[in-house]
Protein backbone atom coordinates (compact mmCIF):
# COMPACT_ATOMS: atom_id res chain seq x y z
CA MET A 1 20.60 -4.38 3.51
CA ASN A 2 19.57 -1.18 1.76
CA ILE A 3 19.97 2.18 3.48
CA THR A 4 18.13 5.35 2.49
CA THR A 5 17.90 8.88 3.89
CA LEU A 6 14.78 10.71 5.03
CA SER A 7 14.32 14.06 3.26
CA SER A 8 13.33 17.28 5.00
CA LYS A 9 9.78 16.66 3.69
CA GLY A 10 9.62 13.23 5.35
CA GLN A 11 10.14 11.34 2.08
CA ILE A 12 12.34 8.34 1.34
CA THR A 13 13.42 6.64 -1.86
CA ILE A 14 12.63 2.93 -1.90
CA PRO A 15 15.62 1.11 -3.41
CA ILE A 16 15.08 -0.29 -6.93
CA GLU A 17 15.58 -3.91 -5.82
CA ILE A 18 12.73 -3.59 -3.33
CA ARG A 19 10.46 -1.76 -5.81
CA ARG A 20 11.01 -4.51 -8.38
CA TRP A 21 10.50 -7.29 -5.84
CA MET A 22 7.26 -5.75 -4.55
CA GLY A 23 6.04 -4.69 -8.00
CA ILE A 24 5.94 -1.00 -7.03
CA ASN A 25 5.49 1.42 -9.92
CA PRO A 26 4.91 5.17 -10.10
CA LYS A 27 1.48 5.97 -8.60
CA SER A 28 1.42 2.66 -6.66
CA LYS A 29 -0.47 2.86 -3.37
CA LEU A 30 1.33 1.63 -0.25
CA ALA A 31 0.00 1.01 3.24
CA PHE A 32 2.17 1.24 6.35
CA GLN A 33 1.42 -0.82 9.45
CA ILE A 34 3.10 -0.91 12.85
CA SER A 35 3.10 -4.32 14.52
CA ASN A 36 5.39 -5.74 17.21
CA ASN A 37 7.75 -2.75 17.00
CA LYS A 38 8.19 -3.24 13.24
CA VAL A 39 6.90 -1.24 10.29
CA TRP A 40 5.32 -3.26 7.49
CA ILE A 41 4.86 -1.92 3.96
CA HIS A 42 2.00 -3.39 1.94
CA LEU A 43 1.42 -2.82 -1.77
CA ILE A 44 -2.25 -2.00 -2.35
CA PRO A 45 -3.45 -3.72 -5.54
CA SER A 46 -4.65 -1.41 -8.30
CA PHE A 47 -8.36 -1.11 -8.98
CA LYS A 48 -7.89 -2.78 -12.36
CA THR A 49 -6.76 -6.02 -10.73
CA LEU A 50 -9.66 -5.90 -8.25
CA ARG A 51 -12.44 -5.01 -10.68
CA GLY A 52 -15.61 -6.83 -9.73
CA SER A 53 -14.26 -8.18 -6.44
CA VAL A 54 -15.44 -5.35 -4.18
CA LYS A 55 -19.10 -4.76 -3.42
CA LYS A 56 -20.62 -1.32 -3.98
CA ILE A 57 -20.18 1.11 -1.10
CA LYS A 58 -22.02 4.36 -0.34
CA GLY A 59 -20.11 7.65 -0.43
CA ASP A 60 -17.42 8.99 -2.74
CA PRO A 61 -16.66 5.84 -4.76
CA LYS A 62 -12.96 6.48 -5.31
CA LYS A 63 -12.00 7.52 -1.76
CA THR A 64 -14.26 4.96 -0.08
CA ALA A 65 -13.04 2.10 -2.26
CA GLN A 66 -9.36 3.01 -1.75
CA ARG A 67 -9.88 3.03 2.01
CA TYR A 68 -11.77 -0.30 1.84
CA VAL A 69 -9.07 -1.97 -0.26
CA ALA A 70 -6.28 -0.72 2.01
CA GLN A 71 -8.12 -1.99 5.09
CA HIS A 72 -8.77 -5.35 3.38
CA VAL A 73 -5.07 -5.79 2.55
CA LEU A 74 -4.02 -4.94 6.10
CA GLU A 75 -6.55 -7.39 7.57
CA SER A 76 -5.56 -10.18 5.19
CA GLU A 77 -1.90 -9.75 6.21
CA LYS A 78 -2.85 -10.38 9.85
CA SER A 79 -4.19 -13.84 9.01
């Protein structure tokens, strides 16, 4: 078990073993989900790995696509 401390700014450091296991790098996007009294952390794939797999969406392309990808990952985890 790894233990970390919450900073005064609400930040935590994810232990190196977990970052390596999840493939988390600087600038990685993470999604947090609460389900059955547990918090789940999901790594959001980078746009480079998803290129061509997401249909075009109206609105600000970057913000809309990030939101769409995060929602897609959360929904796929429920299945």
